[in-house]
């Protein structure tokens, strides 16, 4: 488990945001997997860029983080009411209700190496609680450095017995195939491998019956 320098990290993220660096790739990835007006909780939201991007896309998104330093940056940049100061390990229904947050979600996001700062027991607890919070058609997305704790093997162990199944794993937020040499890892876990989103465009344009080949 890594110990972070929160003040240094907050300043780094403030500088990146001021420089116009794209900090919303994880939000776009998640947006493509969600129904419209989805309920989303960002676990370890940092300065809140993903929450803001998801809100802009029409979703009901909130973020939690244990660091007052990074949440201060979030409050400077975005709507403070979207964020709560609380540990990602305390996402049971009772804790969320006490924080004024809903207790069911279509999407959970834990990006930016959050998993690397947890112990094995804490990561397993997050997976267990995530399984209880997710809608049956929901997704739990993790993005982290592959070679440190919290990488693919640790995630798979943490998911055991939670009802969450691995749907896909990529080397980045742009869907490059994951290999053992990939430095970054994006994983999709879900309660079911047969997700069906009401109102989604998937299948609307599938041609029915037999289609004649133009050369015949």
Protein backbone atom coordinates (compact mmCIF):
# COMPACT_ATOMS: atom_id res chain seq x y z
CA UNK A 1 0.00 0.00 0.00
CA UNK A 2 1.38 3.41 -1.04
CA UNK A 3 1.24 6.47 1.23
CA UNK A 4 0.35 9.61 -0.76
CA UNK A 5 1.58 13.20 -0.34
CA UNK A 6 -1.86 14.79 -0.58
CA UNK A 7 -0.76 18.42 -0.66
CA UNK A 8 1.68 17.75 -3.48
CA UNK A 9 -0.93 15.76 -5.38
CA UNK A 10 -3.55 18.48 -4.97
CA UNK A 11 -1.17 21.09 -6.36
CA UNK A 12 -0.18 18.80 -9.23
CA UNK A 13 -3.82 18.30 -10.21
CA UNK A 14 -4.58 22.02 -9.85
CA UNK A 15 -1.69 22.76 -12.23
CA UNK A 16 -2.84 20.14 -14.75
CA UNK A 17 -6.36 21.54 -14.75
CA UNK A 18 -5.04 25.08 -15.21
CA UNK A 19 -2.91 23.89 -18.14
CA UNK A 20 -5.96 22.46 -19.89
CA UNK A 21 -4.83 18.83 -19.68
CA UNK A 22 -7.62 16.38 -20.57
CA UNK A 23 -8.70 14.91 -17.23
CA UNK A 24 -11.99 13.47 -18.47
CA UNK A 25 -11.01 10.32 -20.40
CA UNK A 26 -12.27 8.07 -17.61
CA UNK A 27 -15.61 9.88 -17.58
CA UNK A 28 -16.04 9.44 -21.35
CA UNK A 29 -15.22 5.74 -21.02
CA UNK A 30 -17.85 5.29 -18.31
CA UNK A 31 -20.41 7.44 -20.14
CA UNK A 32 -20.34 5.03 -23.09
CA UNK A 33 -21.32 2.15 -20.79
CA UNK A 34 -24.18 3.89 -18.99
CA UNK A 35 -27.84 4.57 -19.72
CA UNK A 36 -28.80 8.24 -19.92
CA UNK A 37 -29.24 10.06 -16.60
CA UNK A 38 -27.36 7.31 -14.81
CA UNK A 39 -26.52 7.41 -11.11
CA UNK A 40 -22.75 7.45 -10.63
CA UNK A 41 -20.40 7.52 -7.66
CA UNK A 42 -16.71 8.32 -8.17
CA UNK A 43 -14.66 6.61 -5.45
CA UNK A 44 -11.57 8.69 -4.77
CA UNK A 45 -12.73 11.50 -7.02
CA UNK A 46 -9.69 13.74 -6.51
CA UNK A 47 -10.31 17.22 -7.88
CA UNK A 48 -13.66 16.10 -9.29
CA UNK A 49 -13.04 16.40 -13.04
CA UNK A 50 -14.80 13.11 -13.86
CA UNK A 51 -17.84 14.03 -11.76
CA UNK A 52 -18.09 17.36 -13.54
CA UNK A 53 -17.79 15.71 -16.98
CA UNK A 54 -20.47 13.16 -16.11
CA UNK A 55 -22.77 15.90 -14.82
CA UNK A 56 -22.23 17.81 -18.05
CA UNK A 57 -23.25 14.66 -19.95
CA UNK A 58 -26.54 14.58 -18.04
CA UNK A 59 -25.75 12.00 -15.36
CA UNK A 60 -26.43 12.25 -11.63
CA UNK A 61 -22.86 12.00 -10.41
CA UNK A 62 -21.19 12.49 -7.05
CA UNK A 63 -17.65 12.02 -5.81
CA UNK A 64 -16.08 11.04 -2.52
CA UNK A 65 -12.51 11.45 -1.37
CA UNK A 66 -10.70 11.25 1.94
CA UNK A 67 -8.44 14.20 1.17
CA UNK A 68 -9.52 17.68 2.16
CA UNK A 69 -6.69 19.07 0.06
CA UNK A 70 -7.96 17.71 -3.26
CA UNK A 71 -11.60 18.37 -2.39
CA UNK A 72 -10.68 22.01 -1.85
CA UNK A 73 -9.53 22.10 -5.47
CA UNK A 74 -12.79 20.42 -6.52
CA UNK A 75 -14.73 23.11 -4.67
CA UNK A 76 -12.71 25.82 -6.43
CA UNK A 77 -13.30 24.38 -9.89
CA UNK A 78 -16.77 22.82 -9.72
CA UNK A 79 -19.98 22.65 -7.69
CA UNK A 80 -19.03 21.81 -4.07
CA UNK A 81 -22.37 20.08 -3.39
CA UNK A 82 -21.34 17.23 -5.69
CA UNK A 83 -18.53 16.09 -3.39
CA UNK A 84 -18.21 14.50 0.05
CA UNK A 85 -15.21 13.95 2.26
CA UNK A 86 -15.30 10.29 3.23
CA UNK A 87 -13.13 7.18 2.73
CA UNK A 88 -13.75 4.95 -0.27
CA UNK A 89 -13.81 2.06 2.19
CA UNK A 90 -16.96 3.44 3.87
CA UNK A 91 -19.52 3.09 1.08
CA UNK A 92 -22.10 0.99 2.83
CA UNK A 93 -25.73 2.10 2.56
CA UNK A 94 -25.75 3.54 6.08
CA UNK A 95 -22.63 5.65 5.51
CA UNK A 96 -23.88 6.94 2.17
CA UNK A 97 -27.26 7.82 3.62
CA UNK A 98 -25.58 9.70 6.46
CA UNK A 99 -23.57 11.65 3.88
CA UNK A 100 -26.74 12.58 1.99
CA UNK A 101 -26.02 10.28 -0.95
CA UNK A 102 -28.24 7.73 -2.66
CA UNK A 103 -27.65 4.03 -2.04
CA UNK A 104 -28.06 2.52 -5.54
CA UNK A 105 -25.91 3.25 -8.60
CA UNK A 106 -25.67 2.44 -12.28
CA UNK A 107 -21.94 3.11 -12.32
CA UNK A 108 -19.06 3.17 -9.86
CA UNK A 109 -15.70 4.61 -10.86
CA UNK A 110 -12.39 4.13 -9.05
CA UNK A 111 -9.65 5.61 -11.19
CA UNK A 112 -6.36 7.43 -10.77
CA UNK A 113 -4.53 4.72 -8.77
CA UNK A 114 -6.99 4.80 -5.87
CA UNK A 115 -6.70 1.01 -5.50
CA UNK A 116 -2.93 1.33 -4.97
CA UNK A 117 -3.51 3.22 -1.72
CA UNK A 118 -5.64 0.46 -0.18
CA UNK A 119 -4.69 -2.71 1.64
CA UNK A 120 -5.78 -6.10 0.31
CA UNK A 121 -8.49 -6.26 2.98
CA UNK A 122 -9.72 -2.77 2.12
CA UNK A 123 -9.84 -3.49 -1.61
CA UNK A 124 -11.84 -6.65 -0.97
CA UNK A 125 -14.21 -4.60 1.18
CA UNK A 126 -14.69 -2.04 -1.58
CA UNK A 127 -15.57 -4.79 -4.06
CA UNK A 128 -18.01 -6.34 -1.61
CA UNK A 129 -19.74 -3.01 -0.96
CA UNK A 130 -19.69 -2.15 -4.69
CA UNK A 131 -21.56 -5.35 -5.44
CA UNK A 132 -24.27 -4.33 -2.98
CA UNK A 133 -24.56 -0.77 -4.35
CA UNK A 134 -24.76 -1.56 -8.06
CA UNK A 135 -27.94 -1.91 -10.04
CA UNK A 136 -28.14 -5.39 -11.65
CA UNK A 137 -27.18 -3.80 -14.99
CA UNK A 138 -24.51 -1.56 -13.48
CA UNK A 139 -20.72 -1.45 -13.88
CA UNK A 140 -17.73 -0.93 -11.60
CA UNK A 141 -14.76 0.60 -13.47
CA UNK A 142 -11.22 0.64 -12.11
CA UNK A 143 -8.23 2.40 -13.64
CA UNK A 144 -4.81 1.95 -12.06
CA UNK A 145 -1.13 1.21 -12.58
CA UNK A 146 -0.85 -2.46 -13.48
CA UNK A 147 2.41 -3.35 -11.75
CA UNK A 148 1.64 -2.10 -8.23
CA UNK A 149 -0.86 -3.32 -5.65
CA UNK A 150 -4.42 -2.93 -6.89
CA UNK A 151 -3.56 -4.14 -10.37
CA UNK A 152 -5.34 -6.90 -12.33
CA UNK A 153 -4.52 -9.90 -10.14
CA UNK A 154 -5.40 -8.04 -6.93
CA UNK A 155 -8.69 -6.89 -8.44
CA UNK A 156 -9.60 -10.41 -9.53
CA UNK A 157 -8.90 -11.77 -6.06
CA UNK A 158 -10.91 -8.96 -4.45
CA UNK A 159 -13.87 -9.69 -6.73
CA UNK A 160 -14.11 -13.33 -5.66
CA UNK A 161 -17.33 -14.07 -3.83
CA UNK A 162 -18.81 -10.61 -4.42
CA UNK A 163 -20.99 -11.48 -7.41
CA UNK A 164 -19.02 -9.08 -9.61
CA UNK A 165 -17.62 -10.54 -12.83
CA UNK A 166 -14.89 -9.23 -15.09
CA UNK A 167 -16.41 -8.01 -18.38
CA UNK A 168 -13.29 -6.58 -20.00
CA UNK A 169 -9.78 -5.29 -19.37
CA UNK A 170 -7.84 -2.72 -21.39
CA UNK A 171 -4.45 -1.05 -21.40
CA UNK A 172 -5.91 2.46 -21.30
CA UNK A 173 -9.15 4.44 -21.53
CA UNK A 174 -8.99 4.21 -25.34
CA UNK A 175 -9.51 0.42 -25.47
CA UNK A 176 -6.01 -0.71 -26.37
CA UNK A 177 -5.72 -4.45 -25.61
CA UNK A 178 -4.31 -5.28 -22.20
CA UNK A 179 -1.14 -7.41 -22.15
CA UNK A 180 1.15 -8.53 -19.31
CA UNK A 181 3.48 -5.68 -20.28
CA UNK A 182 0.82 -2.95 -20.15
CA UNK A 183 1.75 -0.25 -17.61
CA UNK A 184 -1.88 0.81 -17.06
CA UNK A 185 -5.00 -1.24 -16.51
CA UNK A 186 -8.69 -0.42 -17.00
CA UNK A 187 -11.06 -3.11 -15.76
CA UNK A 188 -14.84 -3.43 -16.08
CA UNK A 189 -16.66 -5.48 -13.44
CA UNK A 190 -20.41 -6.05 -13.37
CA UNK A 191 -23.03 -8.20 -11.62
CA UNK A 192 -23.84 -9.86 -14.95
CA UNK A 193 -22.07 -10.54 -18.23
CA UNK A 194 -25.36 -10.12 -20.13
CA UNK A 195 -26.04 -6.42 -19.64
CA UNK A 196 -29.20 -5.03 -21.24
CA UNK A 197 -29.77 -1.29 -21.02
CA UNK A 198 -33.38 -0.15 -21.63
CA UNK A 199 -33.50 2.66 -24.15
CA UNK A 200 -29.95 2.10 -25.40
CA UNK A 201 -29.45 2.20 -29.20
CA UNK A 202 -27.75 -1.22 -29.30
CA UNK A 203 -29.60 -3.43 -31.74
CA UNK A 204 -31.92 -0.76 -33.14
CA UNK A 205 -30.17 -0.83 -36.51
CA UNK A 206 -29.61 -4.60 -36.72
CA UNK A 207 -31.10 -5.78 -40.01
CA UNK A 208 -33.75 -8.46 -39.71
CA UNK A 209 -34.27 -11.46 -41.99
CA UNK A 210 -32.04 -12.30 -44.92
CA UNK A 211 -30.35 -9.42 -46.67
CA UNK A 212 -29.61 -9.88 -50.34
CA UNK A 213 -26.00 -9.38 -51.34
CA UNK A 214 -25.75 -6.45 -53.81
CA UNK A 215 -23.86 -8.64 -56.35
CA UNK A 216 -26.56 -11.31 -56.43
